Amino acid sequence: MKKPFIFINSAMSLDGKLSTCERKQVKISNTEDFERVDRLRAGADAIMVGSNTVAIDDPKLVVKSGELRKQRTAKGLPENPAKIMVGSIKRIRMDGDFLNYANSEKIIFTTEKEDKTKIAALRKNAKVYVLGKEKTNINEMIDVLAGLGFKRIMVEGGGTLNYEMLESGLVDEIYVAIGPKIFGGKDAPTLADGEGLPYEKAIKLEPIGMEKLGDVYVLKYKILK
């Protein structure tokens, strides 16, 4: 079964942070970049985020432009891509936007250690897959998504999910919008958190484009396999 095309899109400060040390949702890029992201979402079958992103930001993960939604439905697609969450379900809000905003398909990948009662409750409006004892098996997860027919998946982080997807060799391209800000903070989330890699195992990239959108630079890379 063919692996979906998977790309990471992220906005970070000049020092590589996805947020400040407060770990709250912050505005890093600008309106022009938000429109670029909306176009990327409109061209994806699904948008994937980690459980921390859902817990902290409770994202809607929808296409904002009415025109782009119309273009999707004209192609026989749902108005919005499917929403995918990976990780712990402990802090997911049952009344939150991720689960309830817009009529999007919701898919959750979690582990055997999570609360069975909450899994059952989530299954009332989401597909829930339990893959792995302590940590979600993301290779198996991608097999499931391929089997469901997803061909193009957009990953919107955060840093832990980005790292796991990159470290597992599942990412094809990565696009990074660099905002003109510096946050600092050793505990602030970065583009790729996780355990980290030794130098000889660093993930190698090939630049494939650069775009200036007002005061934001968007860098585009292909992952070298």
N, C-alpha and C. Protein backbone atom coordinates (compact mmCIF):
# COMPACT_ATOMS: atom_id res chain seq x y z
N MET A 1 0.85 -1.19 0.00
CA MET A 1 0.00 0.00 0.00
C MET A 1 0.89 1.24 0.00
N LYS A 2 0.59 2.20 -0.87
CA LYS A 2 1.45 3.37 -1.02
C LYS A 2 1.28 4.33 0.15
N LYS A 3 2.42 4.78 0.69
CA LYS A 3 2.39 5.75 1.78
C LYS A 3 1.84 7.10 1.28
N PRO A 4 1.01 7.76 2.08
CA PRO A 4 0.56 9.09 1.68
C PRO A 4 1.74 10.06 1.58
N PHE A 5 1.59 11.09 0.77
CA PHE A 5 2.56 12.19 0.76
C PHE A 5 2.34 12.98 2.05
N ILE A 6 3.39 13.14 2.83
CA ILE A 6 3.27 13.80 4.14
C ILE A 6 4.19 15.01 4.19
N PHE A 7 3.63 16.15 4.55
CA PHE A 7 4.45 17.34 4.69
C PHE A 7 4.16 18.04 6.01
N ILE A 8 5.21 18.61 6.58
CA ILE A 8 5.08 19.41 7.80
C ILE A 8 5.00 20.88 7.39
N ASN A 9 4.07 21.59 7.97
CA ASN A 9 4.04 23.04 7.82
C ASN A 9 4.04 23.66 9.21
N SER A 10 4.93 24.63 9.41
CA SER A 10 5.06 25.20 10.73
C SER A 10 5.48 26.65 10.65
N ALA A 11 5.15 27.41 11.68
CA ALA A 11 5.65 28.77 11.83
C ALA A 11 6.50 28.81 13.09
N MET A 12 7.67 29.45 12.98
CA MET A 12 8.54 29.51 14.14
C MET A 12 9.22 30.88 14.21
N SER A 13 9.68 31.21 15.40
CA SER A 13 10.47 32.43 15.58
C SER A 13 11.85 32.23 14.96
N LEU A 14 12.62 33.29 14.87
CA LEU A 14 13.95 33.19 14.28
C LEU A 14 14.83 32.21 15.04
N ASP A 15 14.57 32.05 16.34
CA ASP A 15 15.36 31.10 17.13
C ASP A 15 14.69 29.73 17.22
N GLY A 16 13.78 29.44 16.29
CA GLY A 16 13.26 28.08 16.15
C GLY A 16 12.17 27.66 17.10
N LYS A 17 11.51 28.62 17.76
CA LYS A 17 10.47 28.29 18.74
C LYS A 17 9.08 28.33 18.13
N LEU A 18 8.25 27.36 18.49
CA LEU A 18 6.86 27.34 18.05
C LEU A 18 5.96 28.19 18.93
N SER A 19 6.45 28.50 20.13
CA SER A 19 5.71 29.32 21.08
C SER A 19 6.72 29.86 22.09
N THR A 20 6.23 30.59 23.07
CA THR A 20 7.10 31.11 24.12
C THR A 20 7.24 30.08 25.24
N CYS A 21 7.99 30.44 26.28
CA CYS A 21 8.15 29.55 27.43
C CYS A 21 6.83 29.33 28.15
N GLU A 22 5.82 30.19 27.90
CA GLU A 22 4.49 30.01 28.50
C GLU A 22 3.71 28.89 27.81
N ARG A 23 4.18 28.50 26.61
CA ARG A 23 3.54 27.42 25.83
C ARG A 23 2.08 27.72 25.54
N LYS A 24 1.80 28.97 25.21
CA LYS A 24 0.45 29.38 24.80
C LYS A 24 0.44 29.59 23.29
N GLN A 25 -0.74 29.57 22.70
CA GLN A 25 -0.85 29.86 21.28
C GLN A 25 -0.50 31.32 21.04
N VAL A 26 0.44 31.55 20.13
CA VAL A 26 0.88 32.91 19.83
C VAL A 26 0.90 33.13 18.32
N LYS A 27 0.81 34.39 17.91
CA LYS A 27 0.87 34.74 16.50
C LYS A 27 2.33 34.95 16.12
N ILE A 28 2.83 34.13 15.19
CA ILE A 28 4.22 34.21 14.78
C ILE A 28 4.36 34.80 13.39
N SER A 29 3.49 34.41 12.47
CA SER A 29 3.60 34.90 11.09
C SER A 29 2.61 36.04 10.85
N ASN A 30 2.09 36.16 9.63
CA ASN A 30 1.22 37.29 9.30
C ASN A 30 0.05 36.85 8.44
N THR A 31 -0.79 37.81 8.04
CA THR A 31 -2.00 37.49 7.29
C THR A 31 -1.70 36.79 5.97
N GLU A 32 -0.66 37.25 5.27
CA GLU A 32 -0.30 36.62 3.99
C GLU A 32 0.09 35.16 4.20
N ASP A 33 0.78 34.89 5.28
CA ASP A 33 1.17 33.50 5.55
C ASP A 33 -0.03 32.67 5.96
N PHE A 34 -0.96 33.26 6.71
CA PHE A 34 -2.17 32.53 7.08
C PHE A 34 -2.93 32.10 5.82
N GLU A 35 -2.95 32.95 4.81
CA GLU A 35 -3.62 32.61 3.55
C GLU A 35 -2.89 31.47 2.84
N ARG A 36 -1.56 31.48 2.92
CA ARG A 36 -0.77 30.37 2.34
C ARG A 36 -1.12 29.06 3.05
N VAL A 37 -1.21 29.11 4.36
CA VAL A 37 -1.53 27.91 5.14
C VAL A 37 -2.93 27.42 4.79
N ASP A 38 -3.86 28.35 4.59
CA ASP A 38 -5.23 27.97 4.23
C ASP A 38 -5.25 27.22 2.89
N ARG A 39 -4.43 27.68 1.95
CA ARG A 39 -4.34 26.99 0.65
C ARG A 39 -3.75 25.59 0.81
N LEU A 40 -2.77 25.46 1.69
CA LEU A 40 -2.19 24.13 1.95
C LEU A 40 -3.23 23.20 2.55
N ARG A 41 -3.99 23.72 3.50
CA ARG A 41 -5.05 22.90 4.13
C ARG A 41 -6.08 22.47 3.08
N ALA A 42 -6.44 23.40 2.21
CA ALA A 42 -7.45 23.09 1.20
C ALA A 42 -6.98 22.01 0.24
N GLY A 43 -5.67 21.89 0.07
CA GLY A 43 -5.13 20.88 -0.83
C GLY A 43 -4.81 19.55 -0.17
N ALA A 44 -5.08 19.45 1.15
CA ALA A 44 -4.76 18.23 1.89
C ALA A 44 -6.00 17.37 2.14
N ASP A 45 -5.79 16.07 2.29
CA ASP A 45 -6.89 15.16 2.66
C ASP A 45 -7.13 15.18 4.16
N ALA A 46 -6.06 15.48 4.92
CA ALA A 46 -6.17 15.46 6.38
C ALA A 46 -5.11 16.38 6.98
N ILE A 47 -5.43 16.88 8.18
CA ILE A 47 -4.49 17.71 8.94
C ILE A 47 -4.21 16.98 10.25
N MET A 48 -2.92 16.78 10.55
CA MET A 48 -2.52 16.01 11.72
C MET A 48 -1.83 16.89 12.76
N VAL A 49 -2.23 16.72 14.02
CA VAL A 49 -1.60 17.44 15.13
C VAL A 49 -1.37 16.48 16.29
N GLY A 50 -0.49 16.90 17.21
CA GLY A 50 -0.23 16.10 18.40
C GLY A 50 -1.21 16.44 19.52
N SER A 51 -1.21 15.61 20.54
CA SER A 51 -2.16 15.78 21.64
C SER A 51 -1.90 17.06 22.44
N ASN A 52 -0.63 17.49 22.55
CA ASN A 52 -0.35 18.74 23.27
C ASN A 52 -0.96 19.93 22.54
N THR A 53 -0.89 19.91 21.21
CA THR A 53 -1.49 21.00 20.43
C THR A 53 -2.99 21.06 20.66
N VAL A 54 -3.64 19.90 20.70
CA VAL A 54 -5.08 19.87 20.95
C VAL A 54 -5.39 20.35 22.36
N ALA A 55 -4.58 19.94 23.33
CA ALA A 55 -4.82 20.32 24.72
C ALA A 55 -4.63 21.82 24.94
N ILE A 56 -3.60 22.39 24.32
CA ILE A 56 -3.27 23.80 24.55
C ILE A 56 -4.06 24.73 23.65
N ASP A 57 -4.13 24.41 22.35
CA ASP A 57 -4.73 25.32 21.38
C ASP A 57 -6.19 25.00 21.04
N ASP A 58 -6.60 23.75 21.24
CA ASP A 58 -7.93 23.28 20.82
C ASP A 58 -8.24 23.79 19.41
N PRO A 59 -7.42 23.41 18.42
CA PRO A 59 -7.53 24.00 17.08
C PRO A 59 -8.77 23.54 16.32
N LYS A 60 -9.29 24.43 15.47
CA LYS A 60 -10.44 24.09 14.64
C LYS A 60 -10.02 23.25 13.43
N LEU A 61 -8.83 23.54 12.87
CA LEU A 61 -8.26 22.80 11.74
C LEU A 61 -9.22 22.75 10.55
N VAL A 62 -9.66 23.93 10.12
CA VAL A 62 -10.57 24.01 8.98
C VAL A 62 -9.99 24.93 7.91
N VAL A 63 -10.57 24.84 6.72
CA VAL A 63 -10.25 25.78 5.65
C VAL A 63 -11.11 27.03 5.88
N LYS A 64 -10.46 28.17 6.04
CA LYS A 64 -11.20 29.39 6.40
C LYS A 64 -11.86 30.06 5.19
N SER A 65 -11.21 29.97 4.04
CA SER A 65 -11.73 30.64 2.85
C SER A 65 -12.96 29.93 2.30
N GLY A 66 -14.06 30.67 2.16
CA GLY A 66 -15.26 30.09 1.57
C GLY A 66 -15.05 29.65 0.14
N GLU A 67 -14.24 30.40 -0.60
CA GLU A 67 -13.96 30.05 -1.99
C GLU A 67 -13.18 28.74 -2.08
N LEU A 68 -12.20 28.56 -1.20
CA LEU A 68 -11.43 27.32 -1.21
C LEU A 68 -12.30 26.13 -0.81
N ARG A 69 -13.24 26.34 0.12
CA ARG A 69 -14.15 25.26 0.50
C ARG A 69 -15.04 24.88 -0.68
N LYS A 70 -15.50 25.89 -1.43
CA LYS A 70 -16.32 25.63 -2.61
C LYS A 70 -15.54 24.82 -3.65
N GLN A 71 -14.26 25.16 -3.81
CA GLN A 71 -13.43 24.43 -4.77
C GLN A 71 -13.29 22.96 -4.36
N ARG A 72 -13.21 22.71 -3.06
CA ARG A 72 -13.14 21.33 -2.59
C ARG A 72 -14.43 20.57 -2.89
N THR A 73 -15.56 21.18 -2.57
CA THR A 73 -16.83 20.48 -2.79
C THR A 73 -17.10 20.28 -4.27
N ALA A 74 -16.62 21.21 -5.12
CA ALA A 74 -16.78 21.05 -6.56
C ALA A 74 -16.03 19.83 -7.08
N LYS A 75 -14.98 19.43 -6.35
CA LYS A 75 -14.21 18.24 -6.72
C LYS A 75 -14.77 16.97 -6.08
N GLY A 76 -15.89 17.13 -5.37
CA GLY A 76 -16.48 15.98 -4.69
C GLY A 76 -15.85 15.67 -3.35
N LEU A 77 -15.11 16.64 -2.79
CA LEU A 77 -14.45 16.46 -1.49
C LEU A 77 -15.28 17.11 -0.38
N PRO A 78 -15.06 16.69 0.86
CA PRO A 78 -15.71 17.40 1.97
C PRO A 78 -15.20 18.85 2.02
N GLU A 79 -15.99 19.73 2.62
CA GLU A 79 -15.57 21.14 2.73
C GLU A 79 -14.20 21.28 3.40
N ASN A 80 -13.96 20.45 4.40
CA ASN A 80 -12.71 20.52 5.16
C ASN A 80 -12.00 19.18 5.19
N PRO A 81 -10.68 19.20 5.29
CA PRO A 81 -9.94 17.94 5.45
C PRO A 81 -10.31 17.26 6.77
N ALA A 82 -9.99 15.98 6.86
CA ALA A 82 -10.17 15.26 8.13
C ALA A 82 -9.20 15.82 9.17
N LYS A 83 -9.59 15.72 10.44
CA LYS A 83 -8.72 16.13 11.55
C LYS A 83 -8.14 14.87 12.19
N ILE A 84 -6.83 14.86 12.40
CA ILE A 84 -6.18 13.71 13.03
C ILE A 84 -5.43 14.18 14.27
N MET A 85 -5.62 13.48 15.38
CA MET A 85 -4.84 13.75 16.60
C MET A 85 -4.06 12.51 16.98
N VAL A 86 -2.81 12.71 17.41
CA VAL A 86 -1.95 11.60 17.80
C VAL A 86 -1.48 11.80 19.24
N GLY A 87 -1.69 10.79 20.09
CA GLY A 87 -1.16 10.87 21.45
C GLY A 87 -2.21 10.67 22.52
N SER A 88 -1.91 11.19 23.71
CA SER A 88 -2.77 11.00 24.88
C SER A 88 -4.11 11.73 24.72
N ILE A 89 -5.16 11.09 25.17
CA ILE A 89 -6.50 11.70 25.12
C ILE A 89 -6.88 12.36 26.44
N LYS A 90 -5.96 12.36 27.41
CA LYS A 90 -6.29 12.84 28.75
C LYS A 90 -6.85 14.26 28.75
N ARG A 91 -6.24 15.15 27.97
CA ARG A 91 -6.61 16.58 28.05
C ARG A 91 -7.46 17.04 26.87
N ILE A 92 -7.95 16.10 26.07
CA ILE A 92 -8.81 16.51 24.97
C ILE A 92 -10.19 16.89 25.53
N ARG A 93 -10.69 18.04 25.12
CA ARG A 93 -11.98 18.54 25.63
C ARG A 93 -13.13 17.95 24.82
N MET A 94 -14.04 17.31 25.51
CA MET A 94 -15.18 16.70 24.83
C MET A 94 -16.08 17.76 24.18
N ASP A 95 -16.06 18.98 24.72
CA ASP A 95 -16.88 20.06 24.17
C ASP A 95 -16.05 21.05 23.36
N GLY A 96 -14.80 20.67 23.03
CA GLY A 96 -13.88 21.59 22.38
C GLY A 96 -14.05 21.67 20.87
N ASP A 97 -13.32 22.62 20.27
CA ASP A 97 -13.42 22.85 18.83
C ASP A 97 -12.85 21.70 18.01
N PHE A 98 -11.78 21.07 18.49
CA PHE A 98 -11.20 19.99 17.70
C PHE A 98 -12.25 18.92 17.39
N LEU A 99 -13.03 18.57 18.39
CA LEU A 99 -14.04 17.51 18.22
C LEU A 99 -15.34 18.00 17.61
N ASN A 100 -15.67 19.28 17.82
CA ASN A 100 -17.03 19.71 17.50
C ASN A 100 -17.16 20.79 16.44
N TYR A 101 -16.10 21.52 16.14
CA TYR A 101 -16.23 22.61 15.18
C TYR A 101 -16.19 22.07 13.76
N ALA A 102 -17.17 22.39 13.00
CA ALA A 102 -17.31 21.98 11.59
C ALA A 102 -17.60 20.49 11.47
N ASN A 103 -18.17 20.13 10.35
CA ASN A 103 -18.55 18.74 10.11
C ASN A 103 -17.40 17.99 9.44
N SER A 104 -16.25 17.95 10.12
CA SER A 104 -15.07 17.28 9.58
C SER A 104 -14.96 15.87 10.17
N GLU A 105 -14.36 14.98 9.41
CA GLU A 105 -14.07 13.64 9.94
C GLU A 105 -12.98 13.77 10.99
N LYS A 106 -13.16 13.11 12.13
CA LYS A 106 -12.17 13.15 13.20
C LYS A 106 -11.58 11.77 13.42
N ILE A 107 -10.25 11.70 13.51
CA ILE A 107 -9.56 10.43 13.73
C ILE A 107 -8.54 10.63 14.85
N ILE A 108 -8.55 9.72 15.80
CA ILE A 108 -7.64 9.81 16.95
C ILE A 108 -6.82 8.53 17.05
N PHE A 109 -5.51 8.69 17.20
CA PHE A 109 -4.61 7.55 17.41
C PHE A 109 -4.02 7.68 18.81
N THR A 110 -4.22 6.65 19.64
CA THR A 110 -3.75 6.71 21.00
C THR A 110 -3.23 5.33 21.44
N THR A 111 -3.08 5.13 22.76
CA THR A 111 -2.43 3.91 23.25
C THR A 111 -3.29 3.15 24.25
N GLU A 112 -2.84 1.96 24.58
CA GLU A 112 -3.57 1.07 25.49
C GLU A 112 -3.65 1.62 26.92
N LYS A 113 -2.74 2.52 27.29
CA LYS A 113 -2.73 3.01 28.67
C LYS A 113 -3.79 4.08 28.94
N GLU A 114 -4.49 4.52 27.89
CA GLU A 114 -5.49 5.57 28.07
C GLU A 114 -6.79 5.03 28.66
N ASP A 115 -7.58 5.94 29.22
CA ASP A 115 -8.82 5.59 29.89
C ASP A 115 -9.84 5.00 28.91
N LYS A 116 -10.28 3.79 29.18
CA LYS A 116 -11.19 3.08 28.27
C LYS A 116 -12.56 3.76 28.17
N THR A 117 -13.00 4.33 29.28
CA THR A 117 -14.29 5.02 29.27
C THR A 117 -14.26 6.23 28.36
N LYS A 118 -13.15 6.98 28.40
CA LYS A 118 -13.04 8.17 27.55
C LYS A 118 -12.90 7.77 26.08
N ILE A 119 -12.19 6.68 25.83
CA ILE A 119 -12.08 6.18 24.45
C ILE A 119 -13.47 5.88 23.90
N ALA A 120 -14.29 5.21 24.72
CA ALA A 120 -15.66 4.89 24.30
C ALA A 120 -16.47 6.15 24.03
N ALA A 121 -16.29 7.17 24.87
CA ALA A 121 -17.01 8.43 24.69
C ALA A 121 -16.57 9.13 23.41
N LEU A 122 -15.26 9.11 23.15
CA LEU A 122 -14.73 9.76 21.95
C LEU A 122 -15.23 9.08 20.68
N ARG A 123 -15.46 7.80 20.76
CA ARG A 123 -15.89 7.04 19.58
C ARG A 123 -17.30 7.42 19.11
N LYS A 124 -18.00 8.22 19.91
CA LYS A 124 -19.33 8.67 19.49
C LYS A 124 -19.25 9.68 18.35
N ASN A 125 -18.11 10.42 18.24
CA ASN A 125 -17.99 11.35 17.12
C ASN A 125 -16.59 11.38 16.51
N ALA A 126 -15.84 10.30 16.72
CA ALA A 126 -14.51 10.19 16.10
C ALA A 126 -14.14 8.72 15.94
N LYS A 127 -13.31 8.44 14.95
CA LYS A 127 -12.72 7.11 14.84
C LYS A 127 -11.51 7.09 15.76
N VAL A 128 -11.46 6.10 16.65
CA VAL A 128 -10.34 6.01 17.59
C VAL A 128 -9.60 4.70 17.38
N TYR A 129 -8.29 4.80 17.15
CA TYR A 129 -7.45 3.62 16.95
C TYR A 129 -6.46 3.54 18.10
N VAL A 130 -6.40 2.38 18.73
CA VAL A 130 -5.46 2.15 19.83
C VAL A 130 -4.29 1.36 19.27
N LEU A 131 -3.15 2.05 19.14
CA LEU A 131 -1.97 1.44 18.52
C LEU A 131 -0.76 1.58 19.43
N GLY A 132 -0.41 0.52 20.14
CA GLY A 132 0.77 0.55 21.01
C GLY A 132 0.39 0.62 22.47
N LYS A 133 1.30 0.15 23.32
CA LYS A 133 1.05 0.11 24.76
C LYS A 133 1.29 1.47 25.41
N GLU A 134 2.50 2.02 25.25
CA GLU A 134 2.87 3.26 25.90
C GLU A 134 2.95 4.43 24.93
N LYS A 135 3.24 4.12 23.67
CA LYS A 135 3.47 5.15 22.67
C LYS A 135 2.79 4.73 21.37
N THR A 136 2.15 5.68 20.71
CA THR A 136 1.46 5.36 19.46
C THR A 136 2.44 4.88 18.40
N ASN A 137 2.13 3.75 17.79
CA ASN A 137 2.97 3.22 16.71
C ASN A 137 2.65 4.01 15.44
N ILE A 138 3.52 4.98 15.11
CA ILE A 138 3.16 5.87 14.00
C ILE A 138 3.33 5.21 12.63
N ASN A 139 4.19 4.22 12.52
CA ASN A 139 4.28 3.50 11.24
C ASN A 139 2.99 2.75 10.96
N GLU A 140 2.46 2.13 12.00
CA GLU A 140 1.17 1.44 11.87
C GLU A 140 0.05 2.45 11.60
N MET A 141 0.16 3.60 12.23
CA MET A 141 -0.82 4.66 12.01
C MET A 141 -0.86 5.08 10.54
N ILE A 142 0.30 5.24 9.92
CA ILE A 142 0.35 5.64 8.52
C ILE A 142 -0.24 4.55 7.63
N ASP A 143 -0.04 3.29 7.98
CA ASP A 143 -0.66 2.19 7.24
C ASP A 143 -2.18 2.29 7.31
N VAL A 144 -2.70 2.61 8.50
CA VAL A 144 -4.15 2.75 8.67
C VAL A 144 -4.67 3.89 7.80
N LEU A 145 -3.96 5.02 7.82
CA LEU A 145 -4.39 6.19 7.04
C LEU A 145 -4.34 5.91 5.54
N ALA A 146 -3.33 5.18 5.11
CA ALA A 146 -3.25 4.80 3.70
C ALA A 146 -4.44 3.91 3.34
N GLY A 147 -4.77 2.98 4.24
CA GLY A 147 -5.90 2.09 4.02
C GLY A 147 -7.23 2.83 3.96
N LEU A 148 -7.30 3.98 4.66
CA LEU A 148 -8.52 4.79 4.65
C LEU A 148 -8.60 5.67 3.40
N GLY A 149 -7.56 5.65 2.59
CA GLY A 149 -7.58 6.38 1.33
C GLY A 149 -6.94 7.75 1.35
N PHE A 150 -6.28 8.11 2.43
CA PHE A 150 -5.63 9.42 2.49
C PHE A 150 -4.35 9.42 1.65
N LYS A 151 -4.23 10.42 0.80
CA LYS A 151 -3.08 10.50 -0.10
C LYS A 151 -2.16 11.67 0.20
N ARG A 152 -2.68 12.70 0.86
CA ARG A 152 -1.88 13.90 1.15
C ARG A 152 -2.22 14.39 2.55
N ILE A 153 -1.24 14.31 3.44
CA ILE A 153 -1.47 14.64 4.85
C ILE A 153 -0.57 15.80 5.26
N MET A 154 -1.18 16.79 5.88
CA MET A 154 -0.49 17.97 6.37
C MET A 154 -0.28 17.84 7.88
N VAL A 155 0.95 17.94 8.32
CA VAL A 155 1.26 17.84 9.75
C VAL A 155 1.50 19.25 10.28
N GLU A 156 0.75 19.63 11.32
CA GLU A 156 0.90 20.95 11.91
C GLU A 156 1.42 20.87 13.34
N GLY A 157 2.21 19.82 13.64
CA GLY A 157 2.91 19.74 14.92
C GLY A 157 2.02 19.40 16.09
N GLY A 158 2.60 19.70 17.24
CA GLY A 158 3.79 20.47 17.56
C GLY A 158 5.09 19.72 17.46
N GLY A 159 6.06 20.20 18.27
CA GLY A 159 7.43 19.76 18.16
C GLY A 159 7.66 18.28 18.39
N THR A 160 6.91 17.67 19.29
CA THR A 160 7.09 16.24 19.57
C THR A 160 6.64 15.39 18.39
N LEU A 161 5.44 15.70 17.86
CA LEU A 161 4.94 14.95 16.70
C LEU A 161 5.84 15.19 15.49
N ASN A 162 6.25 16.43 15.26
CA ASN A 162 7.15 16.72 14.14
C ASN A 162 8.40 15.85 14.22
N TYR A 163 9.00 15.79 15.41
CA TYR A 163 10.22 15.01 15.59
C TYR A 163 9.98 13.53 15.31
N GLU A 164 8.91 12.99 15.86
CA GLU A 164 8.65 11.56 15.67
C GLU A 164 8.41 11.21 14.21
N MET A 165 7.69 12.08 13.51
CA MET A 165 7.45 11.84 12.09
C MET A 165 8.73 11.94 11.28
N LEU A 166 9.56 12.92 11.60
CA LEU A 166 10.84 13.08 10.89
C LEU A 166 11.80 11.94 11.21
N GLU A 167 11.91 11.61 12.49
CA GLU A 167 12.84 10.56 12.92
C GLU A 167 12.47 9.20 12.33
N SER A 168 11.18 9.00 12.08
CA SER A 168 10.71 7.73 11.51
C SER A 168 10.82 7.70 9.99
N GLY A 169 11.26 8.79 9.38
CA GLY A 169 11.44 8.82 7.93
C GLY A 169 10.13 8.89 7.16
N LEU A 170 9.07 9.43 7.78
CA LEU A 170 7.75 9.44 7.15
C LEU A 170 7.44 10.74 6.41
N VAL A 171 8.27 11.77 6.61
CA VAL A 171 7.99 13.08 6.05
C VAL A 171 8.67 13.24 4.69
N ASP A 172 7.94 13.80 3.74
CA ASP A 172 8.48 14.03 2.40
C ASP A 172 9.01 15.46 2.22
N GLU A 173 8.27 16.44 2.73
CA GLU A 173 8.68 17.83 2.60
C GLU A 173 8.34 18.59 3.88
N ILE A 174 9.03 19.73 4.08
CA ILE A 174 8.76 20.56 5.25
C ILE A 174 8.81 22.02 4.83
N TYR A 175 7.80 22.78 5.27
CA TYR A 175 7.71 24.21 4.96
C TYR A 175 7.70 24.97 6.29
N VAL A 176 8.57 25.96 6.40
CA VAL A 176 8.70 26.68 7.66
C VAL A 176 8.60 28.18 7.42
N ALA A 177 7.62 28.81 8.05
CA ALA A 177 7.49 30.26 8.01
C ALA A 177 8.26 30.83 9.20
N ILE A 178 9.21 31.71 8.93
CA ILE A 178 10.03 32.29 9.99
C ILE A 178 9.57 33.72 10.26
N GLY A 179 9.01 33.91 11.44
CA GLY A 179 8.53 35.23 11.83
C GLY A 179 9.64 36.07 12.42
N PRO A 180 9.54 37.40 12.32
CA PRO A 180 10.61 38.29 12.81
C PRO A 180 10.53 38.50 14.31
N LYS A 181 10.68 37.42 15.06
CA LYS A 181 10.60 37.47 16.52
C LYS A 181 11.63 36.52 17.11
N ILE A 182 12.07 36.80 18.32
CA ILE A 182 12.92 35.89 19.08
C ILE A 182 12.27 35.69 20.44
N PHE A 183 12.00 34.44 20.80
CA PHE A 183 11.34 34.13 22.07
C PHE A 183 12.32 33.69 23.15
N GLY A 184 13.37 32.95 22.77
CA GLY A 184 14.27 32.40 23.77
C GLY A 184 13.57 31.38 24.65
N GLY A 185 14.28 30.92 25.65
CA GLY A 185 13.69 29.99 26.61
C GLY A 185 14.04 28.55 26.32
N LYS A 186 14.80 27.94 27.23
CA LYS A 186 15.22 26.55 27.01
C LYS A 186 14.05 25.58 27.05
N ASP A 187 12.93 25.98 27.64
CA ASP A 187 11.78 25.10 27.73
C ASP A 187 10.69 25.43 26.71
N ALA A 188 10.93 26.42 25.88
CA ALA A 188 9.95 26.76 24.84
C ALA A 188 9.98 25.68 23.77
N PRO A 189 8.81 25.29 23.22
CA PRO A 189 8.78 24.23 22.21
C PRO A 189 9.46 24.66 20.91
N THR A 190 10.16 23.72 20.30
CA THR A 190 10.87 24.00 19.05
C THR A 190 10.22 23.25 17.89
N LEU A 191 10.74 23.50 16.70
CA LEU A 191 10.21 22.85 15.51
C LEU A 191 10.25 21.33 15.63
N ALA A 192 11.31 20.80 16.23
CA ALA A 192 11.44 19.35 16.43
C ALA A 192 12.00 19.10 17.82
N ASP A 193 11.16 18.63 18.73
CA ASP A 193 11.59 18.34 20.10
C ASP A 193 11.99 16.86 20.19
N GLY A 194 11.43 16.13 21.13
CA GLY A 194 11.76 14.70 21.23
C GLY A 194 13.15 14.48 21.80
N GLU A 195 13.66 13.27 21.61
CA GLU A 195 14.93 12.88 22.21
C GLU A 195 16.13 13.51 21.52
N GLY A 196 16.00 13.81 20.25
CA GLY A 196 17.12 14.38 19.51
C GLY A 196 17.99 13.31 18.87
N LEU A 197 18.77 13.73 17.88
CA LEU A 197 19.61 12.81 17.11
C LEU A 197 21.08 13.20 17.20
N PRO A 198 21.97 12.21 17.22
CA PRO A 198 23.40 12.54 17.12
C PRO A 198 23.70 13.10 15.73
N TYR A 199 24.81 13.81 15.61
CA TYR A 199 25.13 14.51 14.37
C TYR A 199 25.11 13.59 13.16
N GLU A 200 25.68 12.40 13.31
CA GLU A 200 25.79 11.50 12.16
C GLU A 200 24.44 10.97 11.69
N LYS A 201 23.41 11.11 12.53
CA LYS A 201 22.07 10.66 12.14
C LYS A 201 21.12 11.84 11.85
N ALA A 202 21.69 13.03 11.71
CA ALA A 202 20.86 14.22 11.45
C ALA A 202 20.05 14.04 10.18
N ILE A 203 18.83 14.55 10.19
CA ILE A 203 17.95 14.48 9.02
C ILE A 203 18.41 15.50 8.00
N LYS A 204 18.70 15.04 6.80
CA LYS A 204 19.27 15.92 5.78
C LYS A 204 18.17 16.44 4.86
N LEU A 205 18.31 17.69 4.47
CA LEU A 205 17.29 18.39 3.70
C LEU A 205 17.88 18.96 2.41
N GLU A 206 17.01 19.09 1.42
CA GLU A 206 17.39 19.77 0.19
C GLU A 206 16.47 20.97 0.00
N PRO A 207 17.01 22.20 -0.07
CA PRO A 207 16.15 23.37 -0.28
C PRO A 207 15.44 23.28 -1.63
N ILE A 208 14.14 23.55 -1.64
CA ILE A 208 13.39 23.51 -2.90
C ILE A 208 12.65 24.82 -3.17
N GLY A 209 12.79 25.80 -2.27
CA GLY A 209 12.14 27.07 -2.54
C GLY A 209 12.18 28.01 -1.36
N MET A 210 12.01 29.30 -1.65
CA MET A 210 11.92 30.32 -0.61
C MET A 210 10.96 31.40 -1.09
N GLU A 211 10.15 31.89 -0.17
CA GLU A 211 9.12 32.87 -0.51
C GLU A 211 9.11 33.94 0.57
N LYS A 212 9.02 35.20 0.17
CA LYS A 212 8.92 36.30 1.14
C LYS A 212 7.48 36.80 1.14
N LEU A 213 6.86 36.74 2.28
CA LEU A 213 5.48 37.20 2.44
C LEU A 213 5.48 38.32 3.48
N GLY A 214 5.60 39.56 3.02
CA GLY A 214 5.70 40.67 3.95
C GLY A 214 6.96 40.54 4.79
N ASP A 215 6.79 40.49 6.11
CA ASP A 215 7.96 40.38 6.99
C ASP A 215 8.27 38.93 7.37
N VAL A 216 7.68 37.99 6.64
CA VAL A 216 7.90 36.56 6.92
C VAL A 216 8.59 35.88 5.74
N TYR A 217 9.57 35.04 6.04
CA TYR A 217 10.21 34.21 5.02
C TYR A 217 9.70 32.78 5.17
N VAL A 218 9.30 32.18 4.06
CA VAL A 218 8.88 30.78 4.07
C VAL A 218 9.95 29.95 3.36
N LEU A 219 10.53 29.01 4.09
CA LEU A 219 11.56 28.14 3.54
C LEU A 219 10.96 26.77 3.27
N LYS A 220 11.29 26.20 2.11
CA LYS A 220 10.72 24.92 1.70
C LYS A 220 11.84 23.92 1.43
N TYR A 221 11.69 22.72 2.00
CA TYR A 221 12.71 21.69 1.88
C TYR A 221 12.11 20.34 1.52
N LYS A 222 12.89 19.56 0.80
CA LYS A 222 12.58 18.15 0.59
C LYS A 222 13.44 17.35 1.55
N ILE A 223 12.87 16.30 2.15
CA ILE A 223 13.64 15.44 3.04
C ILE A 223 14.43 14.44 2.18
N LEU A 224 15.72 14.37 2.41
CA LEU A 224 16.56 13.42 1.68
C LEU A 224 16.51 12.08 2.39
N LYS A 225 16.09 11.06 1.68
CA LYS A 225 15.93 9.73 2.28
C LYS A 225 17.26 8.98 2.28
